[in-house]
C-alpha atoms as a PDB file:
ATOM      1  CA  MET A   1     156.598  35.709-108.503  1.00  0.00           C
ATOM      2  CA  SER A   2     155.571  38.783-107.275  1.00  0.00           C
ATOM      3  CA  GLY A   3     155.784  41.802-110.067  1.00  0.00           C
ATOM      4  CA  SER A   4     157.641  44.514-107.752  1.00  0.00           C
ATOM      5  CA  LEU A   5     160.554  41.231-107.526  1.00  0.00           C
ATOM      6  CA  LYS A   6     161.954  40.913-110.182  1.00  0.00           C
ATOM      7  CA  LYS A   7     166.035  40.732-109.389  1.00  0.00           C
ATOM      8  CA  ALA A   8     167.397  38.296-106.588  1.00  0.00           C
ATOM      9  CA  GLY A   9     170.824  38.446-105.611  1.00  0.00           C
ATOM     10  CA  PHE A  10     172.052  35.165-103.593  1.00  0.00           C
ATOM     11  CA  ILE A  11     175.334  35.745-100.909  1.00  0.00           C
ATOM     12  CA  GLY A  12     176.780  31.610-100.308  1.00  0.00           C
ATOM     13  CA  THR A  13     175.878  28.718-102.258  1.00  0.00           C
ATOM     14  CA  GLY A  14     177.393  26.028-100.708  1.00  0.00           C
ATOM     15  CA  ILE A  15     175.456  23.058 -99.491  1.00  0.00           C
ATOM     16  CA  MET A  16     172.283  24.599 -98.990  1.00  0.00           C
ATOM     17  CA  GLY A  17     172.693  27.893-100.670  1.00  0.00           C
ATOM     18  CA  GLY A  18     173.440  25.828-104.398  1.00  0.00           C
ATOM     19  CA  PRO A  19     169.855  24.559-104.382  1.00  0.00           C
ATOM     20  CA  MET A  20     168.069  27.644-103.123  1.00  0.00           C
ATOM     21  CA  ALA A  21     169.843  29.877-105.896  1.00  0.00           C
ATOM     22  CA  ARG A  22     168.142  26.782-108.465  1.00  0.00           C
ATOM     23  CA  ASN A  23     164.899  27.185-106.578  1.00  0.00           C
ATOM     24  CA  LEU A  24     164.458  30.762-107.241  1.00  0.00           C
ATOM     25  CA  ALA A  25     165.888  30.426-111.118  1.00  0.00           C
ATOM     26  CA  ALA A  26     163.766  28.126-111.309  1.00  0.00           C
ATOM     27  CA  ALA A  27     160.857  30.204-109.862  1.00  0.00           C
ATOM     28  CA  GLY A  28     161.146  32.666-112.448  1.00  0.00           C
ATOM     29  CA  PHE A  29     163.541  35.101-110.334  1.00  0.00           C
ATOM     30  CA  LYS A  30     166.608  36.922-111.999  1.00  0.00           C
ATOM     31  CA  VAL A  31     169.415  35.085-109.503  1.00  0.00           C
ATOM     32  CA  ALA A  32     173.302  36.820-109.435  1.00  0.00           C
ATOM     33  CA  ALA A  33     174.942  34.629-107.263  1.00  0.00           C
ATOM     34  CA  TRP A  34     178.418  35.420-105.167  1.00  0.00           C
ATOM     35  CA  ASN A  35     180.669  32.890-103.310  1.00  0.00           C
ATOM     36  CA  ARG A  36     183.807  33.427-101.545  1.00  0.00           C
ATOM     37  CA  SER A  37     184.571  29.995-103.938  1.00  0.00           C
ATOM     38  CA  ARG A  38     183.533  30.828-107.130  1.00  0.00           C
ATOM     39  CA  GLU A  39     183.789  27.746-108.535  1.00  0.00           C
ATOM     40  CA  LYS A  40     180.660  26.732-106.236  1.00  0.00           C
ATOM     41  CA  SER A  41     178.215  29.409-108.102  1.00  0.00           C
ATOM     42  CA  ASP A  42     179.955  28.642-111.260  1.00  0.00           C
ATOM     43  CA  ALA A  43     178.459  25.705-111.235  1.00  0.00           C
ATOM     44  CA  LEU A  44     174.729  26.943-110.508  1.00  0.00           C
ATOM     45  CA  GLY A  45     174.409  26.675-114.378  1.00  0.00           C
ATOM     46  CA  SER A  46     171.558  28.434-116.558  1.00  0.00           C
ATOM     47  CA  GLY A  47     169.778  31.185-115.599  1.00  0.00           C
ATOM     48  CA  ILE A  48     172.129  31.484-112.989  1.00  0.00           C
ATOM     49  CA  LEU A  49     174.891  34.872-113.433  1.00  0.00           C
ATOM     50  CA  SER A  50     177.743  33.712-111.223  1.00  0.00           C
ATOM     51  CA  VAL A  51     179.837  37.377-109.697  1.00  0.00           C
ATOM     52  CA  THR A  52     182.764  38.669-108.456  1.00  0.00           C
ATOM     53  CA  THR A  53     182.362  40.646-105.444  1.00  0.00           C
ATOM     54  CA  ALA A  54     179.007  40.110-103.355  1.00  0.00           C
ATOM     55  CA  ALA A  55     178.130  43.530-103.584  1.00  0.00           C
ATOM     56  CA  GLU A  56     177.723  43.105-107.329  1.00  0.00           C
ATOM     57  CA  ALA A  57     175.548  40.120-106.744  1.00  0.00           C
ATOM     58  CA  ALA A  58     173.579  43.146-104.328  1.00  0.00           C
ATOM     59  CA  ALA A  59     173.653  46.059-106.357  1.00  0.00           C
ATOM     60  CA  ASP A  60     170.448  45.444-108.840  1.00  0.00           C
ATOM     61  CA  ALA A  61     168.747  42.977-107.214  1.00  0.00           C
ATOM     62  CA  ASP A  62     165.203  43.779-105.503  1.00  0.00           C
ATOM     63  CA  GLY A  63     166.255  41.563-102.753  1.00  0.00           C
ATOM     64  CA  VAL A  64     169.430  39.582-102.019  1.00  0.00           C
ATOM     65  CA  VAL A  65     169.071  36.081-100.234  1.00  0.00           C
ATOM     66  CA  CYS A  66     172.109  35.805 -97.390  1.00  0.00           C
ATOM     67  CA  MET A  67     173.430  31.897 -96.971  1.00  0.00           C
ATOM     68  CA  LEU A  68     176.394  32.096 -94.993  1.00  0.00           C
ATOM     69  CA  SER A  69     178.044  29.703 -92.285  1.00  0.00           C
ATOM     70  CA  SER A  70     178.148  32.002 -89.423  1.00  0.00           C
ATOM     71  CA  GLY A  71     177.232  35.351 -87.651  1.00  0.00           C
ATOM     72  CA  PRO A  72     180.442  36.806 -88.265  1.00  0.00           C
ATOM     73  CA  VAL A  73     180.800  35.526 -91.613  1.00  0.00           C
ATOM     74  CA  CYS A  74     177.998  38.001 -92.108  1.00  0.00           C
ATOM     75  CA  ASP A  75     178.737  41.041 -90.422  1.00  0.00           C
ATOM     76  CA  GLU A  76     181.647  40.355 -92.254  1.00  0.00           C
ATOM     77  CA  ILE A  77     179.909  40.208 -95.931  1.00  0.00           C
ATOM     78  CA  LEU A  78     176.562  42.681 -95.504  1.00  0.00           C
ATOM     79  CA  LEU A  79     178.530  45.404 -92.919  1.00  0.00           C
ATOM     80  CA  ALA A  80     181.480  46.509 -94.237  1.00  0.00           C
ATOM     81  CA  THR A  81     182.146  49.898 -96.005  1.00  0.00           C
ATOM     82  CA  ASP A  82     182.157  48.223 -99.369  1.00  0.00           C
ATOM     83  CA  GLY A  83     179.797  45.531 -98.805  1.00  0.00           C
ATOM     84  CA  VAL A  84     176.306  44.201 -98.978  1.00  0.00           C
ATOM     85  CA  LEU A  85     173.977  46.737 -97.133  1.00  0.00           C
ATOM     86  CA  ALA A  86     176.553  49.247 -98.811  1.00  0.00           C
ATOM     87  CA  ALA A  87     175.515  48.462-102.535  1.00  0.00           C
ATOM     88  CA  MET A  88     171.992  47.787-101.854  1.00  0.00           C
ATOM     89  CA  ARG A  89     169.088  50.858-102.602  1.00  0.00           C
ATOM     90  CA  PRO A  90     166.964  52.504-100.595  1.00  0.00           C
ATOM     91  CA  GLY A  91     163.487  49.812-100.336  1.00  0.00           C
ATOM     92  CA  SER A  92     165.353  46.689-101.522  1.00  0.00           C
ATOM     93  CA  LEU A  93     164.827  43.930 -99.382  1.00  0.00           C
ATOM     94  CA  LEU A  94     167.696  41.825 -96.687  1.00  0.00           C
ATOM     95  CA  ILE A  95     166.483  37.988 -96.017  1.00  0.00           C
ATOM     96  CA  VAL A  96     169.222  36.295 -94.431  1.00  0.00           C
ATOM     97  CA  MET A  97     168.725  32.740 -93.718  1.00  0.00           C
ATOM     98  CA  SER A  98     171.809  31.775 -92.025  1.00  0.00           C
ATOM     99  CA  SER A  99     171.907  30.357 -88.292  1.00  0.00           C
ATOM    100  CA  ILE A 100     173.046  33.117 -86.138  1.00  0.00           C
ATOM    101  CA  PRO A 101     173.087  35.123 -82.479  1.00  0.00           C
ATOM    102  CA  VAL A 102     169.502  36.662 -82.235  1.00  0.00           C
ATOM    103  CA  GLU A 103     171.821  40.081 -81.275  1.00  0.00           C
ATOM    104  CA  THR A 104     173.464  40.121 -84.320  1.00  0.00           C
ATOM    105  CA  ALA A 105     169.624  39.508 -86.318  1.00  0.00           C
ATOM    106  CA  HIS A 106     168.859  43.251 -84.596  1.00  0.00           C
ATOM    107  CA  LEU A 107     171.732  44.546 -85.246  1.00  0.00           C
ATOM    108  CA  GLN A 108     171.454  43.922 -88.782  1.00  0.00           C
ATOM    109  CA  ALA A 109     167.773  45.141 -88.841  1.00  0.00           C
ATOM    110  CA  SER A 110     169.002  48.095 -87.219  1.00  0.00           C
ATOM    111  CA  VAL A 111     171.703  48.801 -89.859  1.00  0.00           C
ATOM    112  CA  ALA A 112     169.796  47.868 -92.991  1.00  0.00           C
ATOM    113  CA  GLY A 113     166.766  49.993 -91.495  1.00  0.00           C
ATOM    114  CA  GLU A 114     169.137  53.225 -91.617  1.00  0.00           C
ATOM    115  CA  ALA A 115     170.007  52.490 -94.907  1.00  0.00           C
ATOM    116  CA  GLY A 116     165.935  52.187 -95.784  1.00  0.00           C
ATOM    117  CA  VAL A 117     166.017  48.224 -96.550  1.00  0.00           C
ATOM    118  CA  LEU A 118     163.310  45.817 -95.393  1.00  0.00           C
ATOM    119  CA  TYR A 119     165.173  42.879 -93.067  1.00  0.00           C
ATOM    120  CA  VAL A 120     163.904  39.866 -92.791  1.00  0.00           C
ATOM    121  CA  ASP A 121     165.851  36.902 -90.399  1.00  0.00           C
ATOM    122  CA  ALA A 122     164.818  33.886 -92.099  1.00  0.00           C
ATOM    123  CA  PRO A 123     167.115  30.381 -91.223  1.00  0.00           C
ATOM    124  CA  VAL A 124     165.760  27.271 -92.315  1.00  0.00           C
ATOM    125  CA  SER A 125     165.160  23.722 -90.812  1.00  0.00           C
ATOM    126  CA  GLY A 126     165.469  20.714 -93.253  1.00  0.00           C
ATOM    127  CA  GLY A 127     169.137  19.603 -94.656  1.00  0.00           C
ATOM    128  CA  GLU A 128     170.090  19.627 -97.750  1.00  0.00           C
ATOM    129  CA  LYS A 129     167.176  16.643 -99.532  1.00  0.00           C
ATOM    130  CA  ALA A 130     165.183  19.849 -98.195  1.00  0.00           C
ATOM    131  CA  ALA A 131     166.843  22.660 -99.735  1.00  0.00           C
ATOM    132  CA  ILE A 132     167.137  21.238-103.025  1.00  0.00           C
ATOM    133  CA  ALA A 133     162.818  20.203-102.922  1.00  0.00           C
ATOM    134  CA  GLY A 134     162.807  23.442-101.983  1.00  0.00           C
ATOM    135  CA  THR A 135     160.391  22.544 -98.767  1.00  0.00           C
ATOM    136  CA  LEU A 136     162.408  24.280 -96.078  1.00  0.00           C
ATOM    137  CA  ALA A 137     160.820  24.971 -92.867  1.00  0.00           C
ATOM    138  CA  ILE A 138     162.029  28.672 -92.758  1.00  0.00           C
ATOM    139  CA  MET A 139     161.481  30.317 -89.478  1.00  0.00           C
ATOM    140  CA  SER A 140     160.695  34.656 -90.901  1.00  0.00           C
ATOM    141  CA  GLY A 141     161.370  37.658 -88.528  1.00  0.00           C
ATOM    142  CA  GLY A 142     160.461  40.449 -89.186  1.00  0.00           C
ATOM    143  CA  THR A 143     158.203  43.186 -89.347  1.00  0.00           C
ATOM    144  CA  THR A 144     154.828  42.639 -91.313  1.00  0.00           C
ATOM    145  CA  GLU A 145     155.532  44.849 -94.405  1.00  0.00           C
ATOM    146  CA  ALA A 146     159.364  43.214 -94.713  1.00  0.00           C
ATOM    147  CA  PHE A 147     157.866  39.615 -94.515  1.00  0.00           C
ATOM    148  CA  GLU A 148     154.579  40.243 -96.892  1.00  0.00           C
ATOM    149  CA  ALA A 149     157.465  41.416 -99.117  1.00  0.00           C
ATOM    150  CA  ALA A 150     160.000  38.650 -99.163  1.00  0.00           C
ATOM    151  CA  MET A 151     156.724  35.949 -99.440  1.00  0.00           C
ATOM    152  CA  PRO A 152     157.367  35.877-103.080  1.00  0.00           C
ATOM    153  CA  LEU A 153     161.059  34.669-102.751  1.00  0.00           C
ATOM    154  CA  LEU A 154     160.795  32.849 -99.338  1.00  0.00           C
ATOM    155  CA  ALA A 155     158.041  30.428-101.176  1.00  0.00           C
ATOM    156  CA  ALA A 156     159.834  29.501-103.848  1.00  0.00           C
ATOM    157  CA  MET A 157     162.517  28.182-101.495  1.00  0.00           C
ATOM    158  CA  GLY A 158     160.259  26.547 -98.867  1.00  0.00           C
ATOM    159  CA  ARG A 159     157.281  27.338 -95.675  1.00  0.00           C
ATOM    160  CA  PRO A 160     158.012  30.403 -94.861  1.00  0.00           C
ATOM    161  CA  VAL A 161     156.175  31.229 -91.182  1.00  0.00           C
ATOM    162  CA  HIS A 162     156.262  34.527 -89.937  1.00  0.00           C
ATOM    163  CA  VAL A 163     157.554  34.382 -85.641  1.00  0.00           C
ATOM    164  CA  GLY A 164     157.208  37.674 -85.352  1.00  0.00           C
ATOM    165  CA  PRO A 165     159.665  40.703 -85.226  1.00  0.00           C
ATOM    166  CA  ALA A 166     163.162  40.662 -86.008  1.00  0.00           C
ATOM    167  CA  GLY A 167     165.371  38.142 -84.341  1.00  0.00           C
ATOM    168  CA  ALA A 168     161.891  35.803 -83.614  1.00  0.00           C
ATOM    169  CA  GLY A 169     163.159  33.691 -86.536  1.00  0.00           C
ATOM    170  CA  GLN A 170     166.805  32.758 -85.307  1.00  0.00           C
ATOM    171  CA  LEU A 171     164.886  32.320 -81.519  1.00  0.00           C
ATOM    172  CA  ALA A 172     162.911  30.330 -83.491  1.00  0.00           C
ATOM    173  CA  LYS A 173     165.570  28.252 -85.579  1.00  0.00           C
ATOM    174  CA  LEU A 174     167.744  27.767 -82.041  1.00  0.00           C
ATOM    175  CA  ILE A 175     164.437  26.001 -80.735  1.00  0.00           C
ATOM    176  CA  ASN A 176     164.373  23.877 -84.070  1.00  0.00           C
ATOM    177  CA  GLN A 177     168.520  23.505 -83.752  1.00  0.00           C
ATOM    178  CA  GLY A 178     168.180  21.989 -79.513  1.00  0.00           C
ATOM    179  CA  ILE A 179     165.269  19.881 -80.269  1.00  0.00           C
ATOM    180  CA  VAL A 180     166.886  18.686 -83.160  1.00  0.00           C
ATOM    181  CA  ALA A 181     170.841  18.157 -81.619  1.00  0.00           C
ATOM    182  CA  THR A 182     168.964  16.710 -78.757  1.00  0.00           C
ATOM    183  CA  THR A 183     166.814  13.997 -80.662  1.00  0.00           C
ATOM    184  CA  LEU A 184     169.939  12.563 -82.811  1.00  0.00           C
ATOM    185  CA  VAL A 185     171.958  11.825 -79.377  1.00  0.00           C
ATOM    186  CA  ALA A 186     168.556  10.226 -77.935  1.00  0.00           C
ATOM    187  CA  VAL A 187     168.762   8.327 -81.188  1.00  0.00           C
ATOM    188  CA  ALA A 188     172.906   7.836 -81.158  1.00  0.00           C
ATOM    189  CA  GLU A 189     172.202   6.452 -77.929  1.00  0.00           C
ATOM    190  CA  ALA A 190     169.186   3.834 -79.372  1.00  0.00           C
ATOM    191  CA  MET A 191     170.608   2.605 -81.988  1.00  0.00           C
ATOM    192  CA  THR A 192     174.017   1.519 -79.162  1.00  0.00           C
ATOM    193  CA  LEU A 193     171.692   0.529 -77.478  1.00  0.00           C
ATOM    194  CA  ALA A 194     170.131  -1.687 -80.084  1.00  0.00           C
ATOM    195  CA  GLU A 195     172.922  -2.775 -81.394  1.00  0.00           C
ATOM    196  CA  ARG A 196     175.176  -4.094 -78.148  1.00  0.00           C
ATOM    197  CA  GLY A 197     172.183  -5.390 -76.672  1.00  0.00           C
ATOM    198  CA  GLY A 198     171.646  -8.457 -79.772  1.00  0.00           C
ATOM    199  CA  ALA A 199     168.798  -6.761 -81.712  1.00  0.00           C
ATOM    200  CA  ASP A 200     168.847  -5.300 -85.417  1.00  0.00           C
ATOM    201  CA  PRO A 201     168.989  -1.569 -85.191  1.00  0.00           C
ATOM    202  CA  LEU A 202     167.632  -0.835 -88.524  1.00  0.00           C
ATOM    203  CA  LYS A 203     163.965  -3.037 -86.988  1.00  0.00           C
ATOM    204  CA  VAL A 204     163.967  -1.129 -83.994  1.00  0.00           C
ATOM    205  CA  ARG A 205     163.580   1.863 -86.040  1.00  0.00           C
ATOM    206  CA  GLU A 206     161.632   0.149 -88.162  1.00  0.00           C
ATOM    207  CA  ALA A 207     159.346  -1.105 -85.131  1.00  0.00           C
ATOM    208  CA  LEU A 208     159.171   2.469 -83.729  1.00  0.00           C
ATOM    209  CA  LEU A 209     158.111   3.943 -87.066  1.00  0.00           C
ATOM    210  CA  GLY A 210     154.573   5.657 -86.191  1.00  0.00           C
ATOM    211  CA  GLY A 211     154.978   5.616 -82.285  1.00  0.00           C
ATOM    212  CA  PHE A 212     155.413   8.762 -80.129  1.00  0.00           C
ATOM    213  CA  ALA A 213     158.948   8.360 -80.567  1.00  0.00           C
ATOM    214  CA  ASP A 214     159.255   8.097 -83.851  1.00  0.00           C
ATOM    215  CA  SER A 215     160.538  11.894 -85.705  1.00  0.00           C
ATOM    216  CA  ALA A 216     162.757  12.751 -89.071  1.00  0.00           C
ATOM    217  CA  ILE A 217     166.185  11.882 -87.203  1.00  0.00           C
ATOM    218  CA  LEU A 218     164.474   8.327 -86.425  1.00  0.00           C
ATOM    219  CA  LYS A 219     163.837   7.962 -90.133  1.00  0.00           C
ATOM    220  CA  GLN A 220     166.282   9.748 -91.300  1.00  0.00           C
ATOM    221  CA  HIS A 221     170.118   9.863 -89.580  1.00  0.00           C
ATOM    222  CA  ALA A 222     169.055   6.838 -87.430  1.00  0.00           C
ATOM    223  CA  ILE A 223     169.462   4.270 -91.076  1.00  0.00           C
ATOM    224  CA  ARG A 224     173.006   6.628 -91.588  1.00  0.00           C
ATOM    225  CA  MET A 225     174.288   5.633 -87.859  1.00  0.00           C
ATOM    226  CA  VAL A 226     174.097   1.936 -88.194  1.00  0.00           C
ATOM    227  CA  ALA A 227     175.616   2.188 -92.286  1.00  0.00           C
ATOM    228  CA  ARG A 228     178.245   4.875 -90.768  1.00  0.00           C
ATOM    229  CA  ASP A 229     177.274   6.971 -93.707  1.00  0.00           C
ATOM    230  CA  PHE A 230     178.155  10.234 -92.061  1.00  0.00           C
ATOM    231  CA  VAL A 231     179.118  12.217 -95.297  1.00  0.00           C
ATOM    232  CA  PRO A 232     177.951  15.572 -94.537  1.00  0.00           C
ATOM    233  CA  GLY A 233     174.537  17.164 -95.222  1.00  0.00           C
ATOM    234  CA  GLY A 234     174.977  19.586 -91.955  1.00  0.00           C
ATOM    235  CA  PRO A 235     178.407  19.182 -90.261  1.00  0.00           C
ATOM    236  CA  ALA A 236     178.490  18.441 -86.763  1.00  0.00           C
ATOM    237  CA  LYS A 237     180.697  21.388 -86.112  1.00  0.00           C
ATOM    238  CA  TYR A 238     177.883  24.102 -87.415  1.00  0.00           C
ATOM    239  CA  GLN A 239     175.461  22.266 -84.980  1.00  0.00           C
ATOM    240  CA  LEU A 240     177.398  22.848 -82.528  1.00  0.00           C
ATOM    241  CA  LYS A 241     177.622  26.431 -83.488  1.00  0.00           C
ATOM    242  CA  ASP A 242     174.061  26.921 -82.727  1.00  0.00           C
ATOM    243  CA  THR A 243     173.245  24.441 -79.802  1.00  0.00           C
ATOM    244  CA  SER A 244     176.502  27.024 -77.937  1.00  0.00           C
ATOM    245  CA  THR A 245     174.797  29.859 -78.991  1.00  0.00           C
ATOM    246  CA  ALA A 246     171.326  28.789 -77.765  1.00  0.00           C
ATOM    247  CA  VAL A 247     172.570  27.575 -74.480  1.00  0.00           C
ATOM    248  CA  ALA A 248     174.628  31.425 -73.865  1.00  0.00           C
ATOM    249  CA  HIS A 249     171.268  33.551 -75.536  1.00  0.00           C
ATOM    250  CA  ALA A 250     169.265  30.803 -72.676  1.00  0.00           C
ATOM    251  CA  ALA A 251     171.739  32.461 -69.939  1.00  0.00           C
ATOM    252  CA  THR A 252     170.673  36.427 -71.358  1.00  0.00           C
ATOM    253  CA  LEU A 253     167.323  35.327 -70.256  1.00  0.00           C
ATOM    254  CA  GLY A 254     168.090  33.593 -66.827  1.00  0.00           C
ATOM    255  CA  LEU A 255     167.543  30.181 -68.341  1.00  0.00           C
ATOM    256  CA  ALA A 256     169.196  27.036 -67.520  1.00  0.00           C
ATOM    257  CA  LEU A 257     168.634  23.915 -69.922  1.00  0.00           C
ATOM    258  CA  PRO A 258     170.103  21.546 -68.570  1.00  0.00           C
ATOM    259  CA  MET A 259     169.523  18.526 -71.515  1.00  0.00           C
ATOM    260  CA  LEU A 260     170.627  21.241 -74.213  1.00  0.00           C
ATOM    261  CA  THR A 261     173.971  21.534 -72.229  1.00  0.00           C
ATOM    262  CA  LEU A 262     175.005  18.165 -71.664  1.00  0.00           C
ATOM    263  CA  VAL A 263     174.578  17.979 -75.739  1.00  0.00           C
ATOM    264  CA  ASP A 264     176.133  21.075 -76.254  1.00  0.00           C
ATOM    265  CA  LYS A 265     178.635  19.179 -73.879  1.00  0.00           C
ATOM    266  CA  LEU A 266     178.829  16.522 -76.300  1.00  0.00           C
ATOM    267  CA  PHE A 267     178.831  18.171 -79.675  1.00  0.00           C
ATOM    268  CA  ALA A 268     181.915  19.929 -78.453  1.00  0.00           C
ATOM    269  CA  ASP A 269     183.321  16.705 -77.845  1.00  0.00           C
ATOM    270  CA  MET A 270     183.271  15.185 -80.904  1.00  0.00           C
ATOM    271  CA  VAL A 271     184.372  18.875 -82.036  1.00  0.00           C
ATOM    272  CA  SER A 272     187.423  18.351 -80.286  1.00  0.00           C
ATOM    273  CA  HIS A 273     188.214  14.776 -81.369  1.00  0.00           C
ATOM    274  CA  GLY A 274     188.156  15.907 -85.203  1.00  0.00           C
ATOM    275  CA  ASP A 275     184.567  15.245 -86.452  1.00  0.00           C
ATOM    276  CA  GLY A 276     183.216  18.659 -87.285  1.00  0.00           C
ATOM    277  CA  GLU A 277     183.200  18.176 -90.504  1.00  0.00           C
ATOM    278  CA  LEU A 278     181.544  15.452 -90.601  1.00  0.00           C
ATOM    279  CA  ASP A 279     177.621  14.962 -90.791  1.00  0.00           C
ATOM    280  CA  HIS A 280     175.826  15.418 -87.289  1.00  0.00           C
ATOM    281  CA  SER A 281     174.480  12.225 -86.958  1.00  0.00           C
ATOM    282  CA  ALA A 282     178.678  11.424 -86.404  1.00  0.00           C
ATOM    283  CA  ILE A 283     177.491  12.573 -82.696  1.00  0.00           C
ATOM    284  CA  ILE A 284     177.248   7.944 -82.103  1.00  0.00           C
ATOM    285  CA  ARG A 285     180.828   8.372 -82.798  1.00  0.00           C
ATOM    286  CA  GLU A 286     180.891  10.555 -79.644  1.00  0.00           C
ATOM    287  CA  ILE A 287     178.267   8.037 -77.935  1.00  0.00           C
ATOM    288  CA  TRP A 288     180.976   5.417 -79.041  1.00  0.00           C
ATOM    289  CA  ARG A 289     183.955   7.186 -77.551  1.00  0.00           C
ATOM    290  CA  THR A 290     181.390   7.313 -73.917  1.00  0.00           C
ATOM    291  CA  ASN A 291     181.750   3.832 -73.941  1.00  0.00           C
ATOM    292  CA  ALA A 292     185.367   2.475 -75.289  1.00  0.00           C
ATOM    293  CA  LEU A 293     183.648   1.011 -78.508  1.00  0.00           C
ATOM    294  CA  ALA A 294     185.279   3.179 -80.729  1.00  0.00           C
END
């Protein structure tokens, strides 16, 4: 643990944020945590102080980690006149690990800079298992100074890589989410084709491991698809948020992404059919609907 970073505020202790906060405490940081549903921060256990307001978590912190559900929610909690940034002292550090639009990260970085607060946007990938294990892939945007200041906190939660200025972390996350969502659809189609074609889908999965079709999605989510186990690790509604943001951001750059646009529509249809709270691997249910199998 860095000598200059001892006290951490943690904002948002849900499926991902809870274990991330625990890993900070395990690394020796004194953690004050806030969650809109207080019972979640209360349940974090010894070594973590559960507080009443987000501003209270931030007030005495050397660094604050934000792991809320969306850009608008982050802005609401961070930028309000009585919010997190207003409570932070100059020279402290704000790390936003939520998946938010690139433009939102730019705005937050600007407001933080005006307050004398260092800013890093550092979205993550790896899901609940990696959050628990402290092995998250962490895509970090910000100045070199801010990233280096954030390293002790980030390294306690996973593998941080500095990918560019503020907003670049979110861009990398959009790229990640595009690959994840597209691969989920490809694996869902593959498992459906295997089952309807008369093969054992799990044996097909086993045969593909180690080849060019191998991936973390094939390893983990093909099993969930075949078992119909859709208890959410990463809810589909959040996958849709990210694919829609990626398509929209690409449009601002004059880019058309035909594959991701199709995948985004499939996830939108899935959510509209009432499956948004299920794990994103439940996209296979949309493939079944397309083929009148469900």
